[in-house]
């Protein structure tokens, strides 16, 4: 009787996320360390039962394939709640000054290049150099789909970009991230004369500022600015919700939109209810 004897040999393995197939390193899509693949060679052994040999071979194969599959399971898309918790804990790490994310990671670069991007959240934030989302939330390369524009406004391009993140990248969470002492909001509050295209941008913030001045006619200085920054975040959230794509995603509970404000002095992010 001819049975199968398995001998383990190290072979570079990768996986194709589109069809779940596994390919050799010849495809140049390595995603991890070498794994052990069983190479089966025929031998004669009249003492071992067929059943035992068959089970043994299947077990070896299952253990071999488990390693790369675990990587995919770990990358499964989180829920909106889970994604939000990741951002909150990331900001806590940022405030402590102890990051858990390497800024240079060759393996992560290769993974995102060969397997595509799988961000956990779409972030619409201000262009202000003091508010980089990946650092503020201590997230690794490829974890956030980020759109940045002065005043975190929702012009046509910004809305389209958020739609892309939700519809095609499948991000379950959208964050509109404002910050204290926002120059764009201040320009809207003070009605500062501006040149070029800036007046068009400030027009997108004006409704939020006007609502604050109407609700708090006596507010001035820092109090007015703080209220205007928050009102602007809420206004842009509402504008995003008017998009047909976002309406559908919200209706189907495919996405959650939240607002947040970063204090540029302390670095802390305050989440809006």
C-alpha atoms as a PDB file:
ATOM      1  CA  UNK A   1       0.000   0.000   0.000  1.00  0.00           C
ATOM      2  CA  UNK A   2       1.323   3.472  -0.887  1.00  0.00           C
ATOM      3  CA  UNK A   3       0.822   6.177   1.735  1.00  0.00           C
ATOM      4  CA  UNK A   4       1.832   9.799   1.892  1.00  0.00           C
ATOM      5  CA  UNK A   5       4.606  11.148   4.049  1.00  0.00           C
ATOM      6  CA  UNK A   6       4.708  14.928   4.491  1.00  0.00           C
ATOM      7  CA  UNK A   7       7.976  16.823   4.765  1.00  0.00           C
ATOM      8  CA  UNK A   8       7.853  20.483   5.745  1.00  0.00           C
ATOM      9  CA  UNK A   9       9.807  22.964   3.634  1.00  0.00           C
ATOM     10  CA  UNK A  10       9.988  26.757   4.056  1.00  0.00           C
ATOM     11  CA  UNK A  11       8.354  28.555   1.135  1.00  0.00           C
ATOM     12  CA  UNK A  12       7.471  32.232   0.720  1.00  0.00           C
ATOM     13  CA  UNK A  13       3.675  32.497   0.705  1.00  0.00           C
ATOM     14  CA  UNK A  14       1.253  35.260  -0.134  1.00  0.00           C
ATOM     15  CA  UNK A  15      -2.454  35.557  -0.504  1.00  0.00           C
ATOM     16  CA  UNK A  16      -4.665  37.188  -3.066  1.00  0.00           C
ATOM     17  CA  UNK A  17      -7.370  39.095  -1.130  1.00  0.00           C
ATOM     18  CA  UNK A  18      -9.641  39.219  -4.160  1.00  0.00           C
ATOM     19  CA  UNK A  19     -10.094  35.473  -4.490  1.00  0.00           C
ATOM     20  CA  UNK A  20      -8.541  34.035  -1.344  1.00  0.00           C
ATOM     21  CA  UNK A  21      -5.945  32.019  -3.290  1.00  0.00           C
ATOM     22  CA  UNK A  22      -2.382  31.529  -2.159  1.00  0.00           C
ATOM     23  CA  UNK A  23       0.549  32.078  -4.498  1.00  0.00           C
ATOM     24  CA  UNK A  24       4.293  31.653  -4.337  1.00  0.00           C
ATOM     25  CA  UNK A  25       6.892  34.389  -4.057  1.00  0.00           C
ATOM     26  CA  UNK A  26       7.240  34.414  -7.822  1.00  0.00           C
ATOM     27  CA  UNK A  27       4.269  36.758  -7.809  1.00  0.00           C
ATOM     28  CA  UNK A  28       6.292  39.272  -5.775  1.00  0.00           C
ATOM     29  CA  UNK A  29       3.529  39.938  -3.279  1.00  0.00           C
ATOM     30  CA  UNK A  30       5.053  38.850  -0.033  1.00  0.00           C
ATOM     31  CA  UNK A  31       3.097  39.759   3.094  1.00  0.00           C
ATOM     32  CA  UNK A  32       4.912  38.080   5.918  1.00  0.00           C
ATOM     33  CA  UNK A  33       7.539  35.635   7.059  1.00  0.00           C
ATOM     34  CA  UNK A  34       8.097  32.283   5.410  1.00  0.00           C
ATOM     35  CA  UNK A  35       5.611  29.563   6.248  1.00  0.00           C
ATOM     36  CA  UNK A  36       6.050  25.823   6.170  1.00  0.00           C
ATOM     37  CA  UNK A  37       4.325  23.979   3.367  1.00  0.00           C
ATOM     38  CA  UNK A  38       3.976  20.214   3.340  1.00  0.00           C
ATOM     39  CA  UNK A  39       5.609  18.496   0.374  1.00  0.00           C
ATOM     40  CA  UNK A  40       4.126  15.036   0.044  1.00  0.00           C
ATOM     41  CA  UNK A  41       6.287  12.108  -1.075  1.00  0.00           C
ATOM     42  CA  UNK A  42       5.077   8.537  -1.523  1.00  0.00           C
ATOM     43  CA  UNK A  43       6.451   5.828   0.786  1.00  0.00           C
ATOM     44  CA  UNK A  44       5.428   2.273   1.543  1.00  0.00           C
ATOM     45  CA  UNK A  45       4.191   1.610   5.037  1.00  0.00           C
ATOM     46  CA  UNK A  46       1.871  -1.338   5.582  1.00  0.00           C
ATOM     47  CA  UNK A  47       1.579  -0.663   9.310  1.00  0.00           C
ATOM     48  CA  UNK A  48      -0.061   2.790   9.188  1.00  0.00           C
ATOM     49  CA  UNK A  49      -3.756   2.844   8.514  1.00  0.00           C
ATOM     50  CA  UNK A  50      -5.179   4.882   5.670  1.00  0.00           C
ATOM     51  CA  UNK A  51      -7.415   6.837   7.985  1.00  0.00           C
ATOM     52  CA  UNK A  52      -4.587   7.974  10.228  1.00  0.00           C
ATOM     53  CA  UNK A  53      -2.465   9.039   7.282  1.00  0.00           C
ATOM     54  CA  UNK A  54      -5.282  11.025   5.728  1.00  0.00           C
ATOM     55  CA  UNK A  55      -6.079  12.861   8.975  1.00  0.00           C
ATOM     56  CA  UNK A  56      -2.408  13.585   9.549  1.00  0.00           C
ATOM     57  CA  UNK A  57      -2.010  15.138   6.106  1.00  0.00           C
ATOM     58  CA  UNK A  58      -5.109  17.288   6.452  1.00  0.00           C
ATOM     59  CA  UNK A  59      -3.977  18.534   9.858  1.00  0.00           C
ATOM     60  CA  UNK A  60      -0.579  19.543   8.497  1.00  0.00           C
ATOM     61  CA  UNK A  61      -2.181  21.405   5.617  1.00  0.00           C
ATOM     62  CA  UNK A  62      -4.661  23.196   7.882  1.00  0.00           C
ATOM     63  CA  UNK A  63      -1.916  24.383  10.216  1.00  0.00           C
ATOM     64  CA  UNK A  64       0.116  25.618   7.271  1.00  0.00           C
ATOM     65  CA  UNK A  65      -2.687  27.733   5.839  1.00  0.00           C
ATOM     66  CA  UNK A  66      -3.749  29.113   9.218  1.00  0.00           C
ATOM     67  CA  UNK A  67      -0.837  31.551   9.535  1.00  0.00           C
ATOM     68  CA  UNK A  68      -1.515  33.724   6.495  1.00  0.00           C
ATOM     69  CA  UNK A  69      -5.253  33.562   7.061  1.00  0.00           C
ATOM     70  CA  UNK A  70      -4.848  34.948  10.568  1.00  0.00           C
ATOM     71  CA  UNK A  71      -3.362  38.073   9.036  1.00  0.00           C
ATOM     72  CA  UNK A  72      -6.487  38.638   6.992  1.00  0.00           C
ATOM     73  CA  UNK A  73      -8.789  38.057   9.947  1.00  0.00           C
ATOM     74  CA  UNK A  74      -6.868  40.646  11.944  1.00  0.00           C
ATOM     75  CA  UNK A  75      -7.470  43.169   9.150  1.00  0.00           C
ATOM     76  CA  UNK A  76     -11.227  42.631   9.090  1.00  0.00           C
ATOM     77  CA  UNK A  77     -13.123  45.911   8.909  1.00  0.00           C
ATOM     78  CA  UNK A  78     -14.091  47.194  12.370  1.00  0.00           C
ATOM     79  CA  UNK A  79     -17.508  48.537  13.264  1.00  0.00           C
ATOM     80  CA  UNK A  80     -17.982  52.289  13.606  1.00  0.00           C
ATOM     81  CA  UNK A  81     -17.875  51.909  17.384  1.00  0.00           C
ATOM     82  CA  UNK A  82     -14.648  49.901  17.258  1.00  0.00           C
ATOM     83  CA  UNK A  83     -13.047  52.388  14.868  1.00  0.00           C
ATOM     84  CA  UNK A  84     -14.015  55.274  17.150  1.00  0.00           C
ATOM     85  CA  UNK A  85     -12.484  53.513  20.149  1.00  0.00           C
ATOM     86  CA  UNK A  86      -9.254  53.038  18.202  1.00  0.00           C
ATOM     87  CA  UNK A  87      -9.111  56.775  17.523  1.00  0.00           C
ATOM     88  CA  UNK A  88      -9.884  57.660  21.133  1.00  0.00           C
ATOM     89  CA  UNK A  89      -7.223  55.336  22.507  1.00  0.00           C
ATOM     90  CA  UNK A  90      -4.810  56.638  19.878  1.00  0.00           C
ATOM     91  CA  UNK A  91      -5.311  60.218  21.039  1.00  0.00           C
ATOM     92  CA  UNK A  92      -4.690  59.069  24.605  1.00  0.00           C
ATOM     93  CA  UNK A  93      -1.364  57.576  23.504  1.00  0.00           C
ATOM     94  CA  UNK A  94      -0.538  60.770  21.622  1.00  0.00           C
ATOM     95  CA  UNK A  95      -1.145  62.848  24.752  1.00  0.00           C
ATOM     96  CA  UNK A  96       1.116  60.553  26.770  1.00  0.00           C
ATOM     97  CA  UNK A  97       3.898  61.000  24.245  1.00  0.00           C
ATOM     98  CA  UNK A  98       4.214  57.238  23.809  1.00  0.00           C
ATOM     99  CA  UNK A  99       3.281  56.092  20.317  1.00  0.00           C
ATOM    100  CA  UNK A 100       2.592  52.447  19.532  1.00  0.00           C
ATOM    101  CA  UNK A 101       2.901  53.066  15.807  1.00  0.00           C
ATOM    102  CA  UNK A 102       6.232  53.040  13.940  1.00  0.00           C
ATOM    103  CA  UNK A 103       6.560  55.998  11.608  1.00  0.00           C
ATOM    104  CA  UNK A 104       8.657  53.936   9.180  1.00  0.00           C
ATOM    105  CA  UNK A 105       7.497  50.391   8.559  1.00  0.00           C
ATOM    106  CA  UNK A 106       8.703  48.688   5.374  1.00  0.00           C
ATOM    107  CA  UNK A 107       6.443  45.689   5.871  1.00  0.00           C
ATOM    108  CA  UNK A 108       3.365  47.896   6.269  1.00  0.00           C
ATOM    109  CA  UNK A 109       4.264  49.838   3.126  1.00  0.00           C
ATOM    110  CA  UNK A 110       4.555  46.587   1.199  1.00  0.00           C
ATOM    111  CA  UNK A 111       1.274  45.272   2.590  1.00  0.00           C
ATOM    112  CA  UNK A 112      -0.676  48.381   1.594  1.00  0.00           C
ATOM    113  CA  UNK A 113       0.969  48.430  -1.827  1.00  0.00           C
ATOM    114  CA  UNK A 114       0.189  44.798  -2.650  1.00  0.00           C
ATOM    115  CA  UNK A 115      -3.106  44.322  -0.844  1.00  0.00           C
ATOM    116  CA  UNK A 116      -4.592  47.810  -1.163  1.00  0.00           C
ATOM    117  CA  UNK A 117      -5.749  50.287   1.464  1.00  0.00           C
ATOM    118  CA  UNK A 118      -8.143  49.265   4.217  1.00  0.00           C
ATOM    119  CA  UNK A 119      -8.658  52.412   6.323  1.00  0.00           C
ATOM    120  CA  UNK A 120     -10.777  52.193   9.455  1.00  0.00           C
ATOM    121  CA  UNK A 121     -12.102  55.751   9.152  1.00  0.00           C
ATOM    122  CA  UNK A 122     -12.474  58.678   6.786  1.00  0.00           C
ATOM    123  CA  UNK A 123     -11.348  61.961   8.345  1.00  0.00           C
ATOM    124  CA  UNK A 124     -12.316  65.384   7.008  1.00  0.00           C
ATOM    125  CA  UNK A 125      -9.959  67.755   8.784  1.00  0.00           C
ATOM    126  CA  UNK A 126      -8.472  71.222   8.556  1.00  0.00           C
ATOM    127  CA  UNK A 127      -5.282  71.874   6.593  1.00  0.00           C
ATOM    128  CA  UNK A 128      -3.692  73.459   9.676  1.00  0.00           C
ATOM    129  CA  UNK A 129      -0.182  72.030  10.070  1.00  0.00           C
ATOM    130  CA  UNK A 130      -0.784  71.485  13.795  1.00  0.00           C
ATOM    131  CA  UNK A 131      -3.589  68.967  13.284  1.00  0.00           C
ATOM    132  CA  UNK A 132      -2.278  65.944  11.326  1.00  0.00           C
ATOM    133  CA  UNK A 133      -4.883  63.181  11.922  1.00  0.00           C
ATOM    134  CA  UNK A 134      -2.502  60.207  11.685  1.00  0.00           C
ATOM    135  CA  UNK A 135      -0.373  61.660  14.486  1.00  0.00           C
ATOM    136  CA  UNK A 136      -3.205  63.103  16.584  1.00  0.00           C
ATOM    137  CA  UNK A 137      -4.882  59.677  16.603  1.00  0.00           C
ATOM    138  CA  UNK A 138      -1.616  57.686  16.601  1.00  0.00           C
ATOM    139  CA  UNK A 139      -2.662  55.516  13.679  1.00  0.00           C
ATOM    140  CA  UNK A 140      -0.434  53.401  11.482  1.00  0.00           C
ATOM    141  CA  UNK A 141       0.258  53.945   7.826  1.00  0.00           C
ATOM    142  CA  UNK A 142      -2.867  53.202   5.772  1.00  0.00           C
ATOM    143  CA  UNK A 143      -5.340  53.282   8.660  1.00  0.00           C
ATOM    144  CA  UNK A 144      -6.978  56.620   7.841  1.00  0.00           C
ATOM    145  CA  UNK A 145      -8.429  58.000   4.622  1.00  0.00           C
ATOM    146  CA  UNK A 146      -7.793  61.702   5.117  1.00  0.00           C
ATOM    147  CA  UNK A 147      -9.212  64.769   3.368  1.00  0.00           C
ATOM    148  CA  UNK A 148      -7.740  68.076   4.533  1.00  0.00           C
ATOM    149  CA  UNK A 149      -8.973  71.543   3.626  1.00  0.00           C
ATOM    150  CA  UNK A 150      -8.896  74.908   5.400  1.00  0.00           C
ATOM    151  CA  UNK A 151     -11.815  75.107   7.812  1.00  0.00           C
ATOM    152  CA  UNK A 152     -12.685  71.396   7.289  1.00  0.00           C
ATOM    153  CA  UNK A 153     -15.396  72.552   4.890  1.00  0.00           C
ATOM    154  CA  UNK A 154     -17.607  70.462   2.642  1.00  0.00           C
ATOM    155  CA  UNK A 155     -17.089  71.773  -0.864  1.00  0.00           C
ATOM    156  CA  UNK A 156     -17.823  69.550  -3.853  1.00  0.00           C
ATOM    157  CA  UNK A 157     -14.374  67.935  -3.920  1.00  0.00           C
ATOM    158  CA  UNK A 158     -14.382  67.259  -0.184  1.00  0.00           C
ATOM    159  CA  UNK A 159     -17.842  65.670  -0.225  1.00  0.00           C
ATOM    160  CA  UNK A 160     -16.869  63.531  -3.218  1.00  0.00           C
ATOM    161  CA  UNK A 161     -13.733  62.372  -1.405  1.00  0.00           C
ATOM    162  CA  UNK A 162     -15.710  61.407   1.689  1.00  0.00           C
ATOM    163  CA  UNK A 163     -18.177  59.545  -0.529  1.00  0.00           C
ATOM    164  CA  UNK A 164     -15.274  57.620  -2.034  1.00  0.00           C
ATOM    165  CA  UNK A 165     -14.011  56.624   1.399  1.00  0.00           C
ATOM    166  CA  UNK A 166     -17.429  55.355   2.420  1.00  0.00           C
ATOM    167  CA  UNK A 167     -18.666  53.816  -0.829  1.00  0.00           C
ATOM    168  CA  UNK A 168     -15.488  52.294  -2.238  1.00  0.00           C
ATOM    169  CA  UNK A 169     -13.162  51.859   0.725  1.00  0.00           C
ATOM    170  CA  UNK A 170     -15.943  50.846   3.091  1.00  0.00           C
ATOM    171  CA  UNK A 171     -14.924  53.005   6.043  1.00  0.00           C
ATOM    172  CA  UNK A 172     -17.599  52.599   8.738  1.00  0.00           C
ATOM    173  CA  UNK A 173     -16.742  55.902  10.417  1.00  0.00           C
ATOM    174  CA  UNK A 174     -16.491  59.487   9.153  1.00  0.00           C
ATOM    175  CA  UNK A 175     -14.905  62.084  11.432  1.00  0.00           C
ATOM    176  CA  UNK A 176     -15.223  65.823  10.856  1.00  0.00           C
ATOM    177  CA  UNK A 177     -12.222  67.170  12.766  1.00  0.00           C
ATOM    178  CA  UNK A 178     -12.032  70.850  13.670  1.00  0.00           C
ATOM    179  CA  UNK A 179      -9.608  72.570  16.012  1.00  0.00           C
ATOM    180  CA  UNK A 180      -9.289  75.543  18.320  1.00  0.00           C
ATOM    181  CA  UNK A 181      -8.046  78.872  16.920  1.00  0.00           C
ATOM    182  CA  UNK A 182      -8.987  77.900  13.370  1.00  0.00           C
ATOM    183  CA  UNK A 183      -7.927  80.707  11.035  1.00  0.00           C
ATOM    184  CA  UNK A 184     -10.665  79.992   8.502  1.00  0.00           C
ATOM    185  CA  UNK A 185     -13.360  80.152  11.172  1.00  0.00           C
ATOM    186  CA  UNK A 186     -11.812  83.334  12.577  1.00  0.00           C
ATOM    187  CA  UNK A 187     -11.971  84.934   9.127  1.00  0.00           C
ATOM    188  CA  UNK A 188     -15.678  84.104   8.980  1.00  0.00           C
ATOM    189  CA  UNK A 189     -16.265  85.466  12.491  1.00  0.00           C
ATOM    190  CA  UNK A 190     -14.412  88.731  11.857  1.00  0.00           C
ATOM    191  CA  UNK A 191     -15.547  89.044   8.227  1.00  0.00           C
ATOM    192  CA  UNK A 192     -11.934  89.599   7.226  1.00  0.00           C
ATOM    193  CA  UNK A 193     -11.460  90.988   3.667  1.00  0.00           C
ATOM    194  CA  UNK A 194      -9.818  88.244   1.606  1.00  0.00           C
ATOM    195  CA  UNK A 195      -8.409  87.891  -1.901  1.00  0.00           C
ATOM    196  CA  UNK A 196      -8.487  85.154  -4.502  1.00  0.00           C
ATOM    197  CA  UNK A 197     -10.673  82.127  -3.858  1.00  0.00           C
ATOM    198  CA  UNK A 198     -10.638  82.439  -0.061  1.00  0.00           C
ATOM    199  CA  UNK A 199     -13.969  84.307   0.138  1.00  0.00           C
ATOM    200  CA  UNK A 200     -15.654  81.287  -1.501  1.00  0.00           C
ATOM    201  CA  UNK A 201     -14.201  79.009   1.152  1.00  0.00           C
ATOM    202  CA  UNK A 202     -15.280  81.276   4.015  1.00  0.00           C
ATOM    203  CA  UNK A 203     -18.800  81.335   2.582  1.00  0.00           C
ATOM    204  CA  UNK A 204     -19.028  77.636   3.461  1.00  0.00           C
ATOM    205  CA  UNK A 205     -18.367  78.501   7.125  1.00  0.00           C
ATOM    206  CA  UNK A 206     -20.542  81.619   7.346  1.00  0.00           C
ATOM    207  CA  UNK A 207     -23.865  79.812   8.059  1.00  0.00           C
ATOM    208  CA  UNK A 208     -22.354  78.206  11.165  1.00  0.00           C
ATOM    209  CA  UNK A 209     -20.958  81.513  12.418  1.00  0.00           C
ATOM    210  CA  UNK A 210     -24.228  83.331  11.763  1.00  0.00           C
ATOM    211  CA  UNK A 211     -26.147  80.733  13.777  1.00  0.00           C
ATOM    212  CA  UNK A 212     -23.822  81.251  16.759  1.00  0.00           C
ATOM    213  CA  UNK A 213     -24.088  85.039  16.622  1.00  0.00           C
ATOM    214  CA  UNK A 214     -27.853  84.720  16.526  1.00  0.00           C
ATOM    215  CA  UNK A 215     -27.988  82.252  19.424  1.00  0.00           C
ATOM    216  CA  UNK A 216     -25.342  84.093  21.492  1.00  0.00           C
ATOM    217  CA  UNK A 217     -25.544  87.787  20.562  1.00  0.00           C
ATOM    218  CA  UNK A 218     -23.323  88.821  23.470  1.00  0.00           C
ATOM    219  CA  UNK A 219     -20.572  86.277  22.855  1.00  0.00           C
ATOM    220  CA  UNK A 220     -17.174  87.776  22.026  1.00  0.00           C
ATOM    221  CA  UNK A 221     -13.522  86.841  21.792  1.00  0.00           C
ATOM    222  CA  UNK A 222     -12.550  83.294  22.820  1.00  0.00           C
ATOM    223  CA  UNK A 223     -16.129  82.410  23.769  1.00  0.00           C
ATOM    224  CA  UNK A 224     -17.403  83.316  20.316  1.00  0.00           C
ATOM    225  CA  UNK A 225     -14.537  81.534  18.578  1.00  0.00           C
ATOM    226  CA  UNK A 226     -14.989  78.336  20.577  1.00  0.00           C
ATOM    227  CA  UNK A 227     -18.705  78.280  19.833  1.00  0.00           C
ATOM    228  CA  UNK A 228     -18.098  79.053  16.151  1.00  0.00           C
ATOM    229  CA  UNK A 229     -15.548  76.247  15.752  1.00  0.00           C
ATOM    230  CA  UNK A 230     -17.993  73.734  17.218  1.00  0.00           C
ATOM    231  CA  UNK A 231     -20.892  75.088  15.165  1.00  0.00           C
ATOM    232  CA  UNK A 232     -18.787  74.783  12.027  1.00  0.00           C
ATOM    233  CA  UNK A 233     -18.006  71.125  12.713  1.00  0.00           C
ATOM    234  CA  UNK A 234     -21.689  70.396  13.246  1.00  0.00           C
ATOM    235  CA  UNK A 235     -22.628  72.367  10.130  1.00  0.00           C
ATOM    236  CA  UNK A 236     -20.187  70.425   7.945  1.00  0.00           C
ATOM    237  CA  UNK A 237     -21.480  67.149   9.399  1.00  0.00           C
ATOM    238  CA  UNK A 238     -24.994  68.180   8.397  1.00  0.00           C
ATOM    239  CA  UNK A 239     -23.817  69.142   4.911  1.00  0.00           C
ATOM    240  CA  UNK A 240     -22.190  65.739   4.449  1.00  0.00           C
ATOM    241  CA  UNK A 241     -25.439  64.056   5.440  1.00  0.00           C
ATOM    242  CA  UNK A 242     -27.221  65.755   2.518  1.00  0.00           C
ATOM    243  CA  UNK A 243     -25.201  63.830  -0.049  1.00  0.00           C
ATOM    244  CA  UNK A 244     -27.237  61.095  -1.773  1.00  0.00           C
ATOM    245  CA  UNK A 245     -24.430  58.595  -1.230  1.00  0.00           C
ATOM    246  CA  UNK A 246     -24.179  59.469   2.449  1.00  0.00           C
ATOM    247  CA  UNK A 247     -27.949  59.460   2.898  1.00  0.00           C
ATOM    248  CA  UNK A 248     -28.085  55.903   1.590  1.00  0.00           C
ATOM    249  CA  UNK A 249     -25.120  54.761   3.693  1.00  0.00           C
ATOM    250  CA  UNK A 250     -26.596  56.342   6.821  1.00  0.00           C
ATOM    251  CA  UNK A 251     -30.019  54.842   6.118  1.00  0.00           C
ATOM    252  CA  UNK A 252     -28.481  51.386   5.700  1.00  0.00           C
ATOM    253  CA  UNK A 253     -26.365  51.897   8.828  1.00  0.00           C
ATOM    254  CA  UNK A 254     -23.197  51.461   6.795  1.00  0.00           C
ATOM    255  CA  UNK A 255     -21.566  54.556   8.253  1.00  0.00           C
ATOM    256  CA  UNK A 256     -21.595  56.816  11.292  1.00  0.00           C
ATOM    257  CA  UNK A 257     -20.628  60.497  11.161  1.00  0.00           C
ATOM    258  CA  UNK A 258     -19.076  62.040  14.267  1.00  0.00           C
ATOM    259  CA  UNK A 259     -17.583  65.423  15.078  1.00  0.00           C
ATOM    260  CA  UNK A 260     -14.442  66.215  17.037  1.00  0.00           C
ATOM    261  CA  UNK A 261     -12.369  69.251  17.996  1.00  0.00           C
ATOM    262  CA  UNK A 262      -8.671  69.216  18.806  1.00  0.00           C
ATOM    263  CA  UNK A 263      -7.285  71.704  21.294  1.00  0.00           C
ATOM    264  CA  UNK A 264      -4.032  72.863  19.701  1.00  0.00           C
ATOM    265  CA  UNK A 265      -2.548  73.726  23.103  1.00  0.00           C
ATOM    266  CA  UNK A 266      -3.180  70.471  24.949  1.00  0.00           C
ATOM    267  CA  UNK A 267      -3.492  68.167  21.946  1.00  0.00           C
ATOM    268  CA  UNK A 268      -6.639  66.605  23.411  1.00  0.00           C
ATOM    269  CA  UNK A 269      -9.523  65.742  21.107  1.00  0.00           C
ATOM    270  CA  UNK A 270     -13.031  66.497  22.356  1.00  0.00           C
ATOM    271  CA  UNK A 271     -15.760  64.402  20.802  1.00  0.00           C
ATOM    272  CA  UNK A 272     -19.115  66.027  20.113  1.00  0.00           C
ATOM    273  CA  UNK A 273     -22.326  64.376  21.247  1.00  0.00           C
END
